[in-house]
Amino acid sequence: YNVVGMMSGEGNTDLWLDGNGCKQPTHVAFGAQNEEQVQAFHKAALE
């Protein structure tokens, strides 16, 4: 897939290098602790 994942220490691979061209959009993911946070984020973003 021409992709490399990097991490610091143990746990989440939090930096991905995607070598499939710079014309694709940047991808950022936010971590949520539960569904309520997801819904609150969605509502705040829409507002």
All heavy atoms as atom14 arrays in JSON, in Angstrom:
{
  "sequence": "YNVVGMMSGEGNTDLWLDGNGCKQPTHVAFGAQNEEQVQAFHKAALE",
  "atom14_mask": [
    [1, 1, 1, 1, 1, 1, 1, 1, 1, 1, 1, 1, 0, 0],
    [1, 1, 1, 1, 1, 1, 1, 1, 0, 0, 0, 0, 0, 0],
    [1, 1, 1, 1, 1, 1, 1, 0, 0, 0, 0, 0, 0, 0],
    [1, 1, 1, 1, 1, 1, 1, 0, 0, 0, 0, 0, 0, 0],
    [1, 1, 1, 1, 0, 0, 0, 0, 0, 0, 0, 0, 0, 0],
    [1, 1, 1, 1, 1, 1, 1, 1, 0, 0, 0, 0, 0, 0],
    [1, 1, 1, 1, 1, 1, 1, 1, 0, 0, 0, 0, 0, 0],
    [1, 1, 1, 1, 1, 1, 0, 0, 0, 0, 0, 0, 0, 0],
    [1, 1, 1, 1, 0, 0, 0, 0, 0, 0, 0, 0, 0, 0],
    [1, 1, 1, 1, 1, 1, 1, 1, 1, 0, 0, 0, 0, 0],
    [1, 1, 1, 1, 0, 0, 0, 0, 0, 0, 0, 0, 0, 0],
    [1, 1, 1, 1, 1, 1, 1, 1, 0, 0, 0, 0, 0, 0],
    [1, 1, 1, 1, 1, 1, 1, 0, 0, 0, 0, 0, 0, 0],
    [1, 1, 1, 1, 1, 1, 1, 1, 0, 0, 0, 0, 0, 0],
    [1, 1, 1, 1, 1, 1, 1, 1, 0, 0, 0, 0, 0, 0],
    [1, 1, 1, 1, 1, 1, 1, 1, 1, 1, 1, 1, 1, 1],
    [1, 1, 1, 1, 1, 1, 1, 1, 0, 0, 0, 0, 0, 0],
    [1, 1, 1, 1, 1, 1, 1, 1, 0, 0, 0, 0, 0, 0],
    [1, 1, 1, 1, 0, 0, 0, 0, 0, 0, 0, 0, 0, 0],
    [1, 1, 1, 1, 1, 1, 1, 1, 0, 0, 0, 0, 0, 0],
    [1, 1, 1, 1, 0, 0, 0, 0, 0, 0, 0, 0, 0, 0],
    [1, 1, 1, 1, 1, 1, 0, 0, 0, 0, 0, 0, 0, 0],
    [1, 1, 1, 1, 1, 1, 1, 1, 1, 0, 0, 0, 0, 0],
    [1, 1, 1, 1, 1, 1, 1, 1, 1, 0, 0, 0, 0, 0],
    [1, 1, 1, 1, 1, 1, 1, 0, 0, 0, 0, 0, 0, 0],
    [1, 1, 1, 1, 1, 1, 1, 0, 0, 0, 0, 0, 0, 0],
    [1, 1, 1, 1, 1, 1, 1, 1, 1, 1, 0, 0, 0, 0],
    [1, 1, 1, 1, 1, 1, 1, 0, 0, 0, 0, 0, 0, 0],
    [1, 1, 1, 1, 1, 0, 0, 0, 0, 0, 0, 0, 0, 0],
    [1, 1, 1, 1, 1, 1, 1, 1, 1, 1, 1, 0, 0, 0],
    [1, 1, 1, 1, 0, 0, 0, 0, 0, 0, 0, 0, 0, 0],
    [1, 1, 1, 1, 1, 0, 0, 0, 0, 0, 0, 0, 0, 0],
    [1, 1, 1, 1, 1, 1, 1, 1, 1, 0, 0, 0, 0, 0],
    [1, 1, 1, 1, 1, 1, 1, 1, 0, 0, 0, 0, 0, 0],
    [1, 1, 1, 1, 1, 1, 1, 1, 1, 0, 0, 0, 0, 0],
    [1, 1, 1, 1, 1, 1, 1, 1, 1, 0, 0, 0, 0, 0],
    [1, 1, 1, 1, 1, 1, 1, 1, 1, 0, 0, 0, 0, 0],
    [1, 1, 1, 1, 1, 1, 1, 0, 0, 0, 0, 0, 0, 0],
    [1, 1, 1, 1, 1, 1, 1, 1, 1, 0, 0, 0, 0, 0],
    [1, 1, 1, 1, 1, 0, 0, 0, 0, 0, 0, 0, 0, 0],
    [1, 1, 1, 1, 1, 1, 1, 1, 1, 1, 1, 0, 0, 0],
    [1, 1, 1, 1, 1, 1, 1, 1, 1, 1, 0, 0, 0, 0],
    [1, 1, 1, 1, 1, 1, 1, 1, 1, 0, 0, 0, 0, 0],
    [1, 1, 1, 1, 1, 0, 0, 0, 0, 0, 0, 0, 0, 0],
    [1, 1, 1, 1, 1, 0, 0, 0, 0, 0, 0, 0, 0, 0],
    [1, 1, 1, 1, 1, 1, 1, 1, 0, 0, 0, 0, 0, 0],
    [1, 1, 1, 1, 1, 1, 1, 1, 1, 0, 0, 0, 0, 0]
  ],
  "atom14_positions": [
    [[0.82, -1.21, 0.0], [0.0, 0.0, 0.0], [0.86, 1.26, 0.0], [0.33, 2.37, 0.01], [-0.94, 0.02, 1.21], [-1.88, -1.14, 1.25], [-1.8, -2.1, 2.25], [-2.85, -1.3, 0.26], [-2.66, -3.19, 2.27], [-3.72, -2.38, 0.29], [-3.62, -3.32, 1.29], [-4.47, -4.39, 1.31], [0.0, 0.0, 0.0], [0.0, 0.0, 0.0]],
    [[2.2, 1.1, 0.06], [3.12, 2.22, 0.08], [2.89, 3.09, 1.31], [2.87, 4.32, 1.24], [2.99, 3.04, -1.22], [4.25, 3.81, -1.56], [5.34, 3.45, -1.12], [4.11, 4.88, -2.32], [0.0, 0.0, 0.0], [0.0, 0.0, 0.0], [0.0, 0.0, 0.0], [0.0, 0.0, 0.0], [0.0, 0.0, 0.0], [0.0, 0.0, 0.0]],
    [[2.73, 2.42, 2.47], [2.39, 3.1, 3.73], [3.32, 2.59, 4.84], [3.62, 1.41, 4.91], [0.92, 2.83, 4.1], [0.6, 3.33, 5.5], [-0.01, 3.47, 3.08], [0.0, 0.0, 0.0], [0.0, 0.0, 0.0], [0.0, 0.0, 0.0], [0.0, 0.0, 0.0], [0.0, 0.0, 0.0], [0.0, 0.0, 0.0], [0.0, 0.0, 0.0]],
    [[3.74, 3.52, 5.71], [4.56, 3.2, 6.88], [3.9, 3.82, 8.1], [3.46, 4.97, 8.07], [5.99, 3.77, 6.71], [6.79, 3.62, 7.98], [6.7, 3.11, 5.54], [0.0, 0.0, 0.0], [0.0, 0.0, 0.0], [0.0, 0.0, 0.0], [0.0, 0.0, 0.0], [0.0, 0.0, 0.0], [0.0, 0.0, 0.0], [0.0, 0.0, 0.0]],
    [[3.84, 3.05, 9.2], [3.29, 3.55, 10.46], [4.38, 3.68, 11.5], [5.24, 2.81, 11.62], [0.0, 0.0, 0.0], [0.0, 0.0, 0.0], [0.0, 0.0, 0.0], [0.0, 0.0, 0.0], [0.0, 0.0, 0.0], [0.0, 0.0, 0.0], [0.0, 0.0, 0.0], [0.0, 0.0, 0.0], [0.0, 0.0, 0.0], [0.0, 0.0, 0.0]],
    [[4.36, 4.77, 12.25], [5.36, 5.02, 13.29], [4.67, 5.24, 14.63], [3.53, 5.68, 14.69], [6.21, 6.25, 12.94], [6.95, 6.1, 11.62], [8.03, 7.49, 11.28], [9.31, 7.18, 12.49], [0.0, 0.0, 0.0], [0.0, 0.0, 0.0], [0.0, 0.0, 0.0], [0.0, 0.0, 0.0], [0.0, 0.0, 0.0], [0.0, 0.0, 0.0]],
    [[5.41, 4.92, 15.7], [4.86, 5.11, 17.03], [5.99, 5.46, 17.99], [7.15, 5.15, 17.75], [4.15, 3.85, 17.51], [5.08, 2.65, 17.7], [4.24, 1.09, 18.03], [3.66, 1.32, 19.66], [0.0, 0.0, 0.0], [0.0, 0.0, 0.0], [0.0, 0.0, 0.0], [0.0, 0.0, 0.0], [0.0, 0.0, 0.0], [0.0, 0.0, 0.0]],
    [[5.62, 6.1, 19.11], [6.59, 6.34, 20.17], [6.24, 5.4, 21.32], [5.1, 5.33, 21.74], [6.56, 7.8, 20.64], [5.42, 8.06, 21.4], [0.0, 0.0, 0.0], [0.0, 0.0, 0.0], [0.0, 0.0, 0.0], [0.0, 0.0, 0.0], [0.0, 0.0, 0.0], [0.0, 0.0, 0.0], [0.0, 0.0, 0.0], [0.0, 0.0, 0.0]],
    [[7.2, 4.66, 21.76], [6.97, 3.73, 22.85], [6.05, 2.6, 22.44], [6.08, 2.13, 21.31], [0.0, 0.0, 0.0], [0.0, 0.0, 0.0], [0.0, 0.0, 0.0], [0.0, 0.0, 0.0], [0.0, 0.0, 0.0], [0.0, 0.0, 0.0], [0.0, 0.0, 0.0], [0.0, 0.0, 0.0], [0.0, 0.0, 0.0], [0.0, 0.0, 0.0]],
    [[5.22, 2.18, 23.37], [4.28, 1.09, 23.12], [2.89, 1.67, 22.93], [2.56, 2.72, 23.45], [4.27, 0.13, 24.32], [5.61, -0.49, 24.6], [6.13, -1.34, 23.46], [5.33, -2.05, 22.8], [7.35, -1.29, 23.19], [0.0, 0.0, 0.0], [0.0, 0.0, 0.0], [0.0, 0.0, 0.0], [0.0, 0.0, 0.0], [0.0, 0.0, 0.0]],
    [[2.08, 0.99, 22.17], [0.69, 1.41, 22.04], [0.31, 1.78, 20.63], [0.59, 1.06, 19.69], [0.0, 0.0, 0.0], [0.0, 0.0, 0.0], [0.0, 0.0, 0.0], [0.0, 0.0, 0.0], [0.0, 0.0, 0.0], [0.0, 0.0, 0.0], [0.0, 0.0, 0.0], [0.0, 0.0, 0.0], [0.0, 0.0, 0.0], [0.0, 0.0, 0.0]],
    [[-0.29, 2.94, 20.49], [-0.92, 3.38, 19.25], [0.1, 3.78, 18.18], [1.03, 4.54, 18.46], [-1.83, 4.57, 19.56], [-2.67, 4.99, 18.4], [-3.1, 4.17, 17.6], [-2.93, 6.27, 18.3], [0.0, 0.0, 0.0], [0.0, 0.0, 0.0], [0.0, 0.0, 0.0], [0.0, 0.0, 0.0], [0.0, 0.0, 0.0], [0.0, 0.0, 0.0]],
    [[-0.08, 3.28, 16.98], [0.69, 3.76, 15.83], [0.03, 5.08, 15.42], [-1.04, 5.08, 14.84], [0.66, 2.74, 14.68], [1.14, 1.49, 15.19], [1.52, 3.18, 13.53], [0.0, 0.0, 0.0], [0.0, 0.0, 0.0], [0.0, 0.0, 0.0], [0.0, 0.0, 0.0], [0.0, 0.0, 0.0], [0.0, 0.0, 0.0], [0.0, 0.0, 0.0]],
    [[0.65, 6.2, 15.78], [-0.03, 7.48, 15.65], [0.45, 8.38, 14.53], [-0.13, 9.43, 14.29], [-0.01, 8.24, 16.98], [1.37, 8.4, 17.58], [2.36, 8.07, 16.91], [1.45, 8.85, 18.72], [0.0, 0.0, 0.0], [0.0, 0.0, 0.0], [0.0, 0.0, 0.0], [0.0, 0.0, 0.0], [0.0, 0.0, 0.0], [0.0, 0.0, 0.0]],
    [[1.49, 7.97, 13.81], [1.94, 8.74, 12.65], [2.06, 7.8, 11.47], [2.78, 6.81, 11.53], [3.29, 9.42, 12.91], [3.89, 10.17, 11.72], [2.99, 11.33, 11.29], [5.28, 10.67, 12.04], [0.0, 0.0, 0.0], [0.0, 0.0, 0.0], [0.0, 0.0, 0.0], [0.0, 0.0, 0.0], [0.0, 0.0, 0.0], [0.0, 0.0, 0.0]],
    [[1.34, 8.11, 10.41], [1.36, 7.3, 9.19], [1.92, 8.12, 8.05], [1.57, 9.28, 7.89], [-0.06, 6.83, 8.85], [-0.57, 5.84, 9.83], [-1.28, 6.11, 10.98], [-0.4, 4.43, 9.8], [-1.56, 4.95, 11.65], [-1.02, 3.9, 10.94], [0.24, 3.56, 8.92], [-1.04, 2.53, 11.22], [0.22, 2.2, 9.19], [-0.42, 1.7, 10.33]],
    [[2.79, 7.51, 7.27], [3.36, 8.13, 6.08], [2.76, 7.41, 4.88], [2.97, 6.21, 4.7], [4.88, 7.99, 6.08], [5.58, 8.52, 7.34], [7.05, 8.15, 7.32], [5.38, 10.01, 7.49], [0.0, 0.0, 0.0], [0.0, 0.0, 0.0], [0.0, 0.0, 0.0], [0.0, 0.0, 0.0], [0.0, 0.0, 0.0], [0.0, 0.0, 0.0]],
    [[2.01, 8.14, 4.09], [1.29, 7.58, 2.95], [1.97, 8.05, 1.67], [1.9, 9.22, 1.32], [-0.17, 8.02, 3.0], [-1.01, 7.46, 1.87], [-0.45, 6.94, 0.88], [-2.24, 7.54, 1.98], [0.0, 0.0, 0.0], [0.0, 0.0, 0.0], [0.0, 0.0, 0.0], [0.0, 0.0, 0.0], [0.0, 0.0, 0.0], [0.0, 0.0, 0.0]],
    [[2.65, 7.14, 0.99], [3.41, 7.49, -0.19], [2.63, 7.41, -1.49], [3.22, 7.24, -2.55], [0.0, 0.0, 0.0], [0.0, 0.0, 0.0], [0.0, 0.0, 0.0], [0.0, 0.0, 0.0], [0.0, 0.0, 0.0], [0.0, 0.0, 0.0], [0.0, 0.0, 0.0], [0.0, 0.0, 0.0], [0.0, 0.0, 0.0], [0.0, 0.0, 0.0]],
    [[1.33, 7.52, -1.41], [0.49, 7.39, -2.6], [0.16, 8.73, -3.25], [-0.81, 8.84, -3.96], [-0.78, 6.62, -2.26], [-0.47, 5.18, -1.93], [0.12, 4.48, -2.76], [-0.79, 4.75, -0.74], [0.0, 0.0, 0.0], [0.0, 0.0, 0.0], [0.0, 0.0, 0.0], [0.0, 0.0, 0.0], [0.0, 0.0, 0.0], [0.0, 0.0, 0.0]],
    [[0.97, 9.71, -3.0], [0.78, 11.0, -3.66], [0.23, 12.06, -2.74], [-0.46, 11.76, -1.77], [0.0, 0.0, 0.0], [0.0, 0.0, 0.0], [0.0, 0.0, 0.0], [0.0, 0.0, 0.0], [0.0, 0.0, 0.0], [0.0, 0.0, 0.0], [0.0, 0.0, 0.0], [0.0, 0.0, 0.0], [0.0, 0.0, 0.0], [0.0, 0.0, 0.0]],
    [[0.57, 13.27, -3.06], [0.18, 14.41, -2.21], [-1.15, 15.02, -2.6], [-1.56, 16.01, -2.02], [1.28, 15.48, -2.27], [2.84, 14.89, -1.6], [0.0, 0.0, 0.0], [0.0, 0.0, 0.0], [0.0, 0.0, 0.0], [0.0, 0.0, 0.0], [0.0, 0.0, 0.0], [0.0, 0.0, 0.0], [0.0, 0.0, 0.0], [0.0, 0.0, 0.0]],
    [[-1.83, 14.46, -3.58], [-3.11, 15.04, -4.01], [-4.27, 14.58, -3.14], [-5.35, 15.14, -3.21], [-3.37, 14.7, -5.47], [-2.37, 15.35, -6.4], [-2.67, 15.07, -7.84], [-1.62, 15.76, -8.71], [-1.86, 15.57, -10.11], [0.0, 0.0, 0.0], [0.0, 0.0, 0.0], [0.0, 0.0, 0.0], [0.0, 0.0, 0.0], [0.0, 0.0, 0.0]],
    [[-4.05, 13.55, -2.33], [-5.11, 13.07, -1.46], [-5.19, 13.97, -0.23], [-4.2, 14.6, 0.15], [-4.82, 11.63, -1.02], [-4.77, 10.65, -2.16], [-4.32, 9.28, -1.7], [-3.99, 9.08, -0.55], [-4.32, 8.33, -2.61], [0.0, 0.0, 0.0], [0.0, 0.0, 0.0], [0.0, 0.0, 0.0], [0.0, 0.0, 0.0], [0.0, 0.0, 0.0]],
    [[-6.35, 14.05, 0.43], [-6.48, 14.9, 1.61], [-5.7, 14.34, 2.79], [-5.45, 13.15, 2.88], [-7.98, 14.89, 1.89], [-8.48, 13.64, 1.25], [-7.6, 13.38, 0.08], [0.0, 0.0, 0.0], [0.0, 0.0, 0.0], [0.0, 0.0, 0.0], [0.0, 0.0, 0.0], [0.0, 0.0, 0.0], [0.0, 0.0, 0.0], [0.0, 0.0, 0.0]],
    [[-5.33, 15.22, 3.71], [-4.68, 14.81, 4.95], [-5.72, 14.14, 5.84], [-6.87, 14.53, 5.86], [-4.07, 16.03, 5.66], [-3.06, 16.56, 4.8], [-3.47, 15.68, 6.99], [0.0, 0.0, 0.0], [0.0, 0.0, 0.0], [0.0, 0.0, 0.0], [0.0, 0.0, 0.0], [0.0, 0.0, 0.0], [0.0, 0.0, 0.0], [0.0, 0.0, 0.0]],
    [[-5.27, 13.15, 6.6], [-6.18, 12.39, 7.48], [-5.77, 12.64, 8.92], [-4.62, 12.41, 9.28], [-6.07, 10.91, 7.14], [-6.79, 10.02, 8.1], [-8.14, 9.76, 7.99], [-6.36, 9.33, 9.18], [-8.49, 8.94, 8.96], [-7.43, 8.68, 9.7], [0.0, 0.0, 0.0], [0.0, 0.0, 0.0], [0.0, 0.0, 0.0], [0.0, 0.0, 0.0]],
    [[-6.69, 13.12, 9.74], [-6.47, 13.29, 11.17], [-7.63, 12.6, 11.89], [-8.78, 12.81, 11.54], [-6.45, 14.79, 11.57], [-6.26, 14.94, 13.08], [-5.37, 15.53, 10.82], [0.0, 0.0, 0.0], [0.0, 0.0, 0.0], [0.0, 0.0, 0.0], [0.0, 0.0, 0.0], [0.0, 0.0, 0.0], [0.0, 0.0, 0.0], [0.0, 0.0, 0.0]],
    [[-7.31, 11.77, 12.87], [-8.35, 11.07, 13.64], [-8.26, 11.5, 15.1], [-7.18, 11.6, 15.66], [-8.16, 9.56, 13.53], [0.0, 0.0, 0.0], [0.0, 0.0, 0.0], [0.0, 0.0, 0.0], [0.0, 0.0, 0.0], [0.0, 0.0, 0.0], [0.0, 0.0, 0.0], [0.0, 0.0, 0.0], [0.0, 0.0, 0.0], [0.0, 0.0, 0.0]],
    [[-9.4, 11.76, 15.7], [-9.48, 12.13, 17.1], [-9.93, 10.92, 17.91], [-10.82, 10.18, 17.47], [-10.46, 13.29, 17.31], [-10.03, 14.55, 16.62], [-10.46, 14.85, 15.34], [-9.17, 15.43, 17.26], [-10.05, 16.0, 14.7], [-8.75, 16.59, 16.63], [-9.19, 16.87, 15.35], [0.0, 0.0, 0.0], [0.0, 0.0, 0.0], [0.0, 0.0, 0.0]],
    [[-9.33, 10.73, 19.06], [-9.73, 9.62, 19.93], [-10.86, 10.04, 20.85], [-10.82, 11.11, 21.44], [0.0, 0.0, 0.0], [0.0, 0.0, 0.0], [0.0, 0.0, 0.0], [0.0, 0.0, 0.0], [0.0, 0.0, 0.0], [0.0, 0.0, 0.0], [0.0, 0.0, 0.0], [0.0, 0.0, 0.0], [0.0, 0.0, 0.0], [0.0, 0.0, 0.0]],
    [[-11.86, 9.19, 20.95], [-13.0, 9.45, 21.85], [-13.06, 8.33, 22.88], [-12.75, 7.18, 22.59], [-14.3, 9.51, 21.07], [0.0, 0.0, 0.0], [0.0, 0.0, 0.0], [0.0, 0.0, 0.0], [0.0, 0.0, 0.0], [0.0, 0.0, 0.0], [0.0, 0.0, 0.0], [0.0, 0.0, 0.0], [0.0, 0.0, 0.0], [0.0, 0.0, 0.0]],
    [[-13.47, 8.68, 24.08], [-13.58, 7.69, 25.15], [-14.88, 6.92, 25.09], [-14.98, 5.82, 25.62], [-13.42, 8.36, 26.51], [-12.04, 8.96, 26.69], [-11.9, 9.69, 28.01], [-12.83, 9.75, 28.82], [-10.74, 10.25, 28.24], [0.0, 0.0, 0.0], [0.0, 0.0, 0.0], [0.0, 0.0, 0.0], [0.0, 0.0, 0.0], [0.0, 0.0, 0.0]],
    [[-15.9, 7.52, 24.44], [-17.2, 6.85, 24.39], [-18.06, 7.48, 23.3], [-17.7, 8.5, 22.71], [-17.91, 6.93, 25.76], [-17.98, 8.35, 26.29], [-18.39, 9.27, 25.57], [-17.56, 8.55, 27.53], [0.0, 0.0, 0.0], [0.0, 0.0, 0.0], [0.0, 0.0, 0.0], [0.0, 0.0, 0.0], [0.0, 0.0, 0.0], [0.0, 0.0, 0.0]],
    [[-19.22, 6.9, 23.07], [-20.14, 7.37, 22.04], [-20.67, 8.77, 22.35], [-20.89, 9.57, 21.44], [-21.3, 6.38, 21.89], [-22.33, 6.77, 20.85], [-21.81, 6.76, 19.41], [-20.81, 6.06, 19.15], [-22.41, 7.43, 18.55], [0.0, 0.0, 0.0], [0.0, 0.0, 0.0], [0.0, 0.0, 0.0], [0.0, 0.0, 0.0], [0.0, 0.0, 0.0]],
    [[-20.83, 9.09, 23.62], [-21.33, 10.41, 24.0], [-20.37, 11.5, 23.54], [-20.81, 12.56, 23.08], [-21.55, 10.49, 25.51], [-22.73, 9.66, 26.01], [-22.44, 8.16, 26.07], [-21.27, 7.76, 26.27], [-23.4, 7.39, 25.89], [0.0, 0.0, 0.0], [0.0, 0.0, 0.0], [0.0, 0.0, 0.0], [0.0, 0.0, 0.0], [0.0, 0.0, 0.0]],
    [[-19.07, 11.27, 23.66], [-18.1, 12.24, 23.18], [-18.19, 12.41, 21.67], [-18.08, 13.53, 21.16], [-16.68, 11.82, 23.55], [-16.31, 12.11, 24.98], [-14.85, 11.81, 25.24], [-14.25, 10.93, 24.63], [-14.27, 12.55, 26.18], [0.0, 0.0, 0.0], [0.0, 0.0, 0.0], [0.0, 0.0, 0.0], [0.0, 0.0, 0.0], [0.0, 0.0, 0.0]],
    [[-18.38, 11.32, 20.96], [-18.51, 11.38, 19.5], [-19.71, 12.24, 19.13], [-19.63, 13.13, 18.28], [-18.64, 9.97, 18.89], [-18.94, 10.05, 17.4], [-17.38, 9.16, 19.14], [0.0, 0.0, 0.0], [0.0, 0.0, 0.0], [0.0, 0.0, 0.0], [0.0, 0.0, 0.0], [0.0, 0.0, 0.0], [0.0, 0.0, 0.0], [0.0, 0.0, 0.0]],
    [[-20.84, 12.0, 19.78], [-22.05, 12.76, 19.48], [-21.91, 14.23, 19.85], [-22.37, 15.12, 19.13], [-23.27, 12.12, 20.19], [-23.61, 10.74, 19.68], [-23.88, 10.7, 18.19], [-24.46, 11.62, 17.61], [-23.44, 9.63, 17.54], [0.0, 0.0, 0.0], [0.0, 0.0, 0.0], [0.0, 0.0, 0.0], [0.0, 0.0, 0.0], [0.0, 0.0, 0.0]],
    [[-21.26, 14.5, 20.99], [-21.05, 15.89, 21.41], [-20.13, 16.61, 20.43], [-20.36, 17.77, 20.09], [-20.48, 15.94, 22.82], [0.0, 0.0, 0.0], [0.0, 0.0, 0.0], [0.0, 0.0, 0.0], [0.0, 0.0, 0.0], [0.0, 0.0, 0.0], [0.0, 0.0, 0.0], [0.0, 0.0, 0.0], [0.0, 0.0, 0.0], [0.0, 0.0, 0.0]],
    [[-19.09, 15.91, 19.96], [-18.19, 16.49, 18.97], [-18.95, 16.81, 17.68], [-18.82, 17.88, 17.12], [-17.04, 15.53, 18.68], [-16.24, 15.9, 17.45], [-15.29, 16.89, 17.51], [-16.45, 15.26, 16.25], [-14.55, 17.25, 16.39], [-15.72, 15.6, 15.13], [-14.77, 16.61, 15.2], [0.0, 0.0, 0.0], [0.0, 0.0, 0.0], [0.0, 0.0, 0.0]],
    [[-19.74, 15.85, 17.23], [-20.51, 16.04, 15.99], [-21.45, 17.24, 16.11], [-21.52, 18.09, 15.22], [-21.29, 14.76, 15.68], [-22.03, 14.83, 14.38], [-23.38, 14.94, 14.31], [-21.58, 14.84, 13.1], [-23.76, 14.99, 13.07], [-22.69, 14.93, 12.3], [0.0, 0.0, 0.0], [0.0, 0.0, 0.0], [0.0, 0.0, 0.0], [0.0, 0.0, 0.0]],
    [[-22.14, 17.34, 17.22], [-23.07, 18.46, 17.44], [-22.31, 19.79, 17.45], [-22.73, 20.75, 16.8], [-23.83, 18.25, 18.75], [-24.81, 19.37, 19.04], [-25.55, 19.16, 20.34], [-26.48, 20.33, 20.56], [-26.93, 20.45, 21.92], [0.0, 0.0, 0.0], [0.0, 0.0, 0.0], [0.0, 0.0, 0.0], [0.0, 0.0, 0.0], [0.0, 0.0, 0.0]],
    [[-21.22, 19.84, 18.19], [-20.43, 21.08, 18.27], [-19.87, 21.47, 16.91], [-19.85, 22.65, 16.54], [-19.31, 20.92, 19.29], [0.0, 0.0, 0.0], [0.0, 0.0, 0.0], [0.0, 0.0, 0.0], [0.0, 0.0, 0.0], [0.0, 0.0, 0.0], [0.0, 0.0, 0.0], [0.0, 0.0, 0.0], [0.0, 0.0, 0.0], [0.0, 0.0, 0.0]],
    [[-19.42, 20.48, 16.14], [-18.87, 20.76, 14.81], [-19.95, 21.33, 13.89], [-19.69, 22.27, 13.14], [-18.26, 19.49, 14.22], [0.0, 0.0, 0.0], [0.0, 0.0, 0.0], [0.0, 0.0, 0.0], [0.0, 0.0, 0.0], [0.0, 0.0, 0.0], [0.0, 0.0, 0.0], [0.0, 0.0, 0.0], [0.0, 0.0, 0.0], [0.0, 0.0, 0.0]],
    [[-21.15, 20.76, 13.95], [-22.24, 21.26, 13.11], [-22.62, 22.68, 13.51], [-22.89, 23.53, 12.66], [-23.45, 20.35, 13.19], [-23.31, 18.98, 12.52], [-24.54, 18.13, 12.8], [-23.07, 19.12, 11.03], [0.0, 0.0, 0.0], [0.0, 0.0, 0.0], [0.0, 0.0, 0.0], [0.0, 0.0, 0.0], [0.0, 0.0, 0.0], [0.0, 0.0, 0.0]],
    [[-22.62, 22.96, 14.81], [-22.96, 24.3, 15.29], [-21.89, 25.31, 14.93], [-22.19, 26.47, 14.67], [-23.18, 24.28, 16.8], [-24.45, 23.55, 17.2], [-24.59, 23.39, 18.7], [-23.66, 23.78, 19.46], [-25.61, 22.84, 19.14], [0.0, 0.0, 0.0], [0.0, 0.0, 0.0], [0.0, 0.0, 0.0], [0.0, 0.0, 0.0], [0.0, 0.0, 0.0]]
  ]
}
